[in-house]
C-alpha atoms as a PDB file:
ATOM      1  CA  MET A   1      82.355 116.849 139.408  1.00  0.00           C
ATOM      2  CA  ARG A   2      83.050 114.391 136.786  1.00  0.00           C
ATOM      3  CA  GLY A   3      84.229 117.539 134.676  1.00  0.00           C
ATOM      4  CA  LEU A   4      86.578 118.500 137.118  1.00  0.00           C
ATOM      5  CA  ARG A   5      88.071 115.119 137.494  1.00  0.00           C
ATOM      6  CA  THR A   6      88.798 115.121 133.607  1.00  0.00           C
ATOM      7  CA  ILE A   7      90.334 118.707 134.037  1.00  0.00           C
ATOM      8  CA  ALA A   8      92.458 117.505 136.787  1.00  0.00           C
ATOM      9  CA  LEU A   9      93.811 114.621 134.722  1.00  0.00           C
ATOM     10  CA  GLY A  10      94.711 116.688 132.041  1.00  0.00           C
ATOM     11  CA  ILE A  11      96.234 119.350 134.035  1.00  0.00           C
ATOM     12  CA  ALA A  12      98.420 116.278 135.699  1.00  0.00           C
ATOM     13  CA  LEU A  13      99.156 114.807 132.344  1.00  0.00           C
ATOM     14  CA  ALA A  14     100.134 118.127 130.902  1.00  0.00           C
ATOM     15  CA  GLY A  15     102.518 118.851 133.879  1.00  0.00           C
ATOM     16  CA  SER A  16     104.135 115.313 133.565  1.00  0.00           C
ATOM     17  CA  GLY A  17     104.938 115.676 130.087  1.00  0.00           C
ATOM     18  CA  GLY A  18     102.746 112.730 129.330  1.00  0.00           C
ATOM     19  CA  PHE A  19      99.967 114.424 127.452  1.00  0.00           C
ATOM     20  CA  PHE A  20     100.410 115.870 123.882  1.00  0.00           C
ATOM     21  CA  PRO A  21      97.363 117.041 121.837  1.00  0.00           C
ATOM     22  CA  SER A  22      99.548 116.948 118.895  1.00  0.00           C
ATOM     23  CA  SER A  23     100.141 113.064 119.342  1.00  0.00           C
ATOM     24  CA  PHE A  24      96.416 112.411 119.077  1.00  0.00           C
ATOM     25  CA  ALA A  25      96.015 114.541 115.773  1.00  0.00           C
ATOM     26  CA  GLN A  26      99.272 112.639 114.468  1.00  0.00           C
ATOM     27  CA  ALA A  27      98.028 109.427 114.762  1.00  0.00           C
ATOM     28  CA  HIS A  28      94.343 110.195 113.515  1.00  0.00           C
ATOM     29  CA  ASP A  29      96.310 111.819 110.439  1.00  0.00           C
ATOM     30  CA  VAL A  30      98.373 108.599 109.809  1.00  0.00           C
ATOM     31  CA  ASP A  31      95.267 106.352 109.812  1.00  0.00           C
ATOM     32  CA  TYR A  32      93.742 108.944 107.538  1.00  0.00           C
ATOM     33  CA  CYS A  33      96.558 109.059 105.193  1.00  0.00           C
ATOM     34  CA  GLU A  34      97.010 105.449 104.948  1.00  0.00           C
ATOM     35  CA  THR A  35      93.267 104.969 104.325  1.00  0.00           C
ATOM     36  CA  LYS A  36      93.173 107.609 101.707  1.00  0.00           C
ATOM     37  CA  LEU A  37      96.238 106.837 100.083  1.00  0.00           C
ATOM     38  CA  SER A  38      95.183 103.034  99.859  1.00  0.00           C
ATOM     39  CA  THR A  39      92.053 103.861  98.250  1.00  0.00           C
ATOM     40  CA  PHE A  40      94.251 105.702  95.682  1.00  0.00           C
ATOM     41  CA  VAL A  41      96.433 102.760  95.126  1.00  0.00           C
ATOM     42  CA  GLY A  42      93.571 100.724  94.351  1.00  0.00           C
ATOM     43  CA  GLU A  43      92.229 102.998  91.944  1.00  0.00           C
ATOM     44  CA  ILE A  44      95.373 103.823  90.141  1.00  0.00           C
ATOM     45  CA  ASP A  45      96.461 100.216  89.847  1.00  0.00           C
ATOM     46  CA  ASP A  46      93.060  99.611  88.284  1.00  0.00           C
ATOM     47  CA  LEU A  47      93.284 102.157  85.703  1.00  0.00           C
ATOM     48  CA  LEU A  48      96.969 101.224  84.815  1.00  0.00           C
ATOM     49  CA  ALA A  49      96.250  97.524  84.661  1.00  0.00           C
ATOM     50  CA  ARG A  50      93.772  98.572  81.834  1.00  0.00           C
ATOM     51  CA  ARG A  51      96.538 100.395  80.145  1.00  0.00           C
ATOM     52  CA  PRO A  52      94.694 103.586  79.081  1.00  0.00           C
ATOM     53  CA  SER A  53      95.011 105.335  75.975  1.00  0.00           C
ATOM     54  CA  ASN A  54      94.338 108.764  77.322  1.00  0.00           C
ATOM     55  CA  LEU A  55      96.571 110.289  79.697  1.00  0.00           C
ATOM     56  CA  LEU A  56      93.445 112.648  80.820  1.00  0.00           C
ATOM     57  CA  ASP A  57      92.289 109.527  82.424  1.00  0.00           C
ATOM     58  CA  VAL A  58      95.387 108.982  84.252  1.00  0.00           C
ATOM     59  CA  LEU A  59      95.303 112.768  85.458  1.00  0.00           C
ATOM     60  CA  ALA A  60      91.605 112.372  86.482  1.00  0.00           C
ATOM     61  CA  VAL A  61      92.572 109.727  89.030  1.00  0.00           C
ATOM     62  CA  LEU A  62      95.555 111.825  90.300  1.00  0.00           C
ATOM     63  CA  TYR A  63      93.494 115.024  90.746  1.00  0.00           C
ATOM     64  CA  GLY A  64      90.827 113.331  92.443  1.00  0.00           C
ATOM     65  CA  TYR A  65      93.308 112.892  95.415  1.00  0.00           C
ATOM     66  CA  PHE A  66      96.549 115.308  95.157  1.00  0.00           C
ATOM     67  CA  PRO A  67      97.251 117.567  96.130  1.00  0.00           C
ATOM     68  CA  ALA A  68      93.999 118.735  98.341  1.00  0.00           C
ATOM     69  CA  GLY A  69      93.187 115.246  99.517  1.00  0.00           C
ATOM     70  CA  ALA A  70      96.562 114.419 100.764  1.00  0.00           C
ATOM     71  CA  GLN A  71      97.399 117.570 102.340  1.00  0.00           C
ATOM     72  CA  GLY A  72      99.078 116.885 105.907  1.00  0.00           C
ATOM     73  CA  CYS A  73     100.064 113.163 105.030  1.00  0.00           C
ATOM     74  CA  THR A  74     103.995 113.140 105.232  1.00  0.00           C
ATOM     75  CA  ALA A  75     106.333 111.104 103.117  1.00  0.00           C
ATOM     76  CA  GLU A  76     106.893 108.802 106.207  1.00  0.00           C
ATOM     77  CA  ALA A  77     102.941 108.251 106.334  1.00  0.00           C
ATOM     78  CA  ALA A  78     102.400 108.064 102.644  1.00  0.00           C
ATOM     79  CA  LEU A  79     105.093 105.485 101.992  1.00  0.00           C
ATOM     80  CA  PRO A  80     103.770 102.264 103.154  1.00  0.00           C
ATOM     81  CA  PRO A  81     100.381 102.366 101.271  1.00  0.00           C
ATOM     82  CA  LEU A  82     102.048 104.090  98.144  1.00  0.00           C
ATOM     83  CA  SER A  83     104.486 101.334  98.064  1.00  0.00           C
ATOM     84  CA  LYS A  84     102.145  98.614  98.045  1.00  0.00           C
ATOM     85  CA  SER A  85     101.099  99.769  94.311  1.00  0.00           C
ATOM     86  CA  SER A  86     101.875  97.147  91.532  1.00  0.00           C
ATOM     87  CA  TYR A  87     103.347 100.225  89.771  1.00  0.00           C
ATOM     88  CA  PHE A  88     105.416 101.794  92.165  1.00  0.00           C
ATOM     89  CA  LYS A  89     109.117 102.552  91.013  1.00  0.00           C
ATOM     90  CA  GLY A  90     110.634 104.220  94.138  1.00  0.00           C
ATOM     91  CA  THR A  91     111.199 107.418  96.071  1.00  0.00           C
ATOM     92  CA  GLU A  92     113.659 110.014  95.704  1.00  0.00           C
ATOM     93  CA  THR A  93     114.543 112.920  98.145  1.00  0.00           C
ATOM     94  CA  HIS A  94     115.896 116.095  97.392  1.00  0.00           C
ATOM     95  CA  GLY A  95     116.322 118.553 100.388  1.00  0.00           C
ATOM     96  CA  GLY A  96     112.873 118.684 102.053  1.00  0.00           C
ATOM     97  CA  ARG A  97     110.784 117.287  99.471  1.00  0.00           C
ATOM     98  CA  THR A  98     110.149 113.481  98.615  1.00  0.00           C
ATOM     99  CA  ALA A  99     109.137 112.180  95.393  1.00  0.00           C
ATOM    100  CA  PHE A 100     107.135 108.843  94.512  1.00  0.00           C
ATOM    101  CA  SER A 101     107.249 107.316  91.153  1.00  0.00           C
ATOM    102  CA  PHE A 102     104.843 105.204  89.475  1.00  0.00           C
ATOM    103  CA  SER A 103     104.971 103.695  85.842  1.00  0.00           C
ATOM    104  CA  ASN A 104     102.949 100.820  83.908  1.00  0.00           C
ATOM    105  CA  GLU A 105     105.755 101.002  81.100  1.00  0.00           C
ATOM    106  CA  THR A 106     107.249  97.903  79.967  1.00  0.00           C
ATOM    107  CA  MET A 107     110.032  97.060  77.605  1.00  0.00           C
ATOM    108  CA  PHE A 108     107.873  96.768  74.839  1.00  0.00           C
ATOM    109  CA  ARG A 109     105.241  99.016  75.428  1.00  0.00           C
ATOM    110  CA  ARG A 110     105.122 102.621  76.655  1.00  0.00           C
ATOM    111  CA  GLY A 111     103.013 103.720  79.407  1.00  0.00           C
ATOM    112  CA  ALA A 112     102.193 106.410  81.900  1.00  0.00           C
ATOM    113  CA  ALA A 113     105.175 107.919  84.163  1.00  0.00           C
ATOM    114  CA  ILE A 114     103.363 109.364  87.369  1.00  0.00           C
ATOM    115  CA  GLN A 115     105.166 111.429  89.754  1.00  0.00           C
ATOM    116  CA  LEU A 116     103.837 112.641  93.285  1.00  0.00           C
ATOM    117  CA  SER A 117     105.881 115.014  95.608  1.00  0.00           C
ATOM    118  CA  VAL A 118     105.513 116.254  99.195  1.00  0.00           C
ATOM    119  CA  SER A 119     107.465 118.335 101.535  1.00  0.00           C
ATOM    120  CA  ASP A 120     108.498 117.310 104.741  1.00  0.00           C
ATOM    121  CA  ALA A 121     105.712 119.112 106.408  1.00  0.00           C
ATOM    122  CA  GLY A 122     103.109 117.262 104.304  1.00  0.00           C
ATOM    123  CA  SER A 123     102.372 119.945 101.442  1.00  0.00           C
ATOM    124  CA  TRP A 124     101.669 118.065  98.381  1.00  0.00           C
ATOM    125  CA  ASN A 125     102.442 119.647  95.003  1.00  0.00           C
ATOM    126  CA  PRO A 126     100.160 118.910  91.960  1.00  0.00           C
ATOM    127  CA  PRO A 127     100.597 115.331  90.665  1.00  0.00           C
ATOM    128  CA  PHE A 128     102.480 114.985  87.460  1.00  0.00           C
ATOM    129  CA  ALA A 129     102.019 112.330  84.498  1.00  0.00           C
ATOM    130  CA  ILE A 130     103.648 111.846  81.133  1.00  0.00           C
ATOM    131  CA  TRP A 131     103.879 109.025  78.458  1.00  0.00           C
ATOM    132  CA  SER A 132     106.896 107.048  78.840  1.00  0.00           C
ATOM    133  CA  PRO A 133     108.709 106.841  76.470  1.00  0.00           C
ATOM    134  CA  PRO A 134     107.423 110.129  74.991  1.00  0.00           C
ATOM    135  CA  PHE A 135     106.256 110.553  71.581  1.00  0.00           C
ATOM    136  CA  PRO A 136     109.018 110.952  69.251  1.00  0.00           C
END
């Protein structure tokens, strides 16, 4: 009998326009994105603070999270945790794609410049990292 009440409640909510399964998925996805990307920020900040001499160390951290680990995370969900990084430089939007930039470069020392980009649908491109400024 309890199952029938649950079904009836679901039908009533769906008929009234108050039930959207996607809204539950979005709330879960936002929490997942925030947790996953906050962990990434902690790991990349720790690495960049040590001023790595090998760009492969930076790429190893990046490829541990992007693109597969962040799929489904939209730019809106990604911005709050990513912007908490000590090395966050900003965002740029081009068409349906948003890019996030990070760098530990200073005026007197070169560093790693990182770019992450995501489509409006939450599809992440592979990460990009280069020394900045590049070698002459």
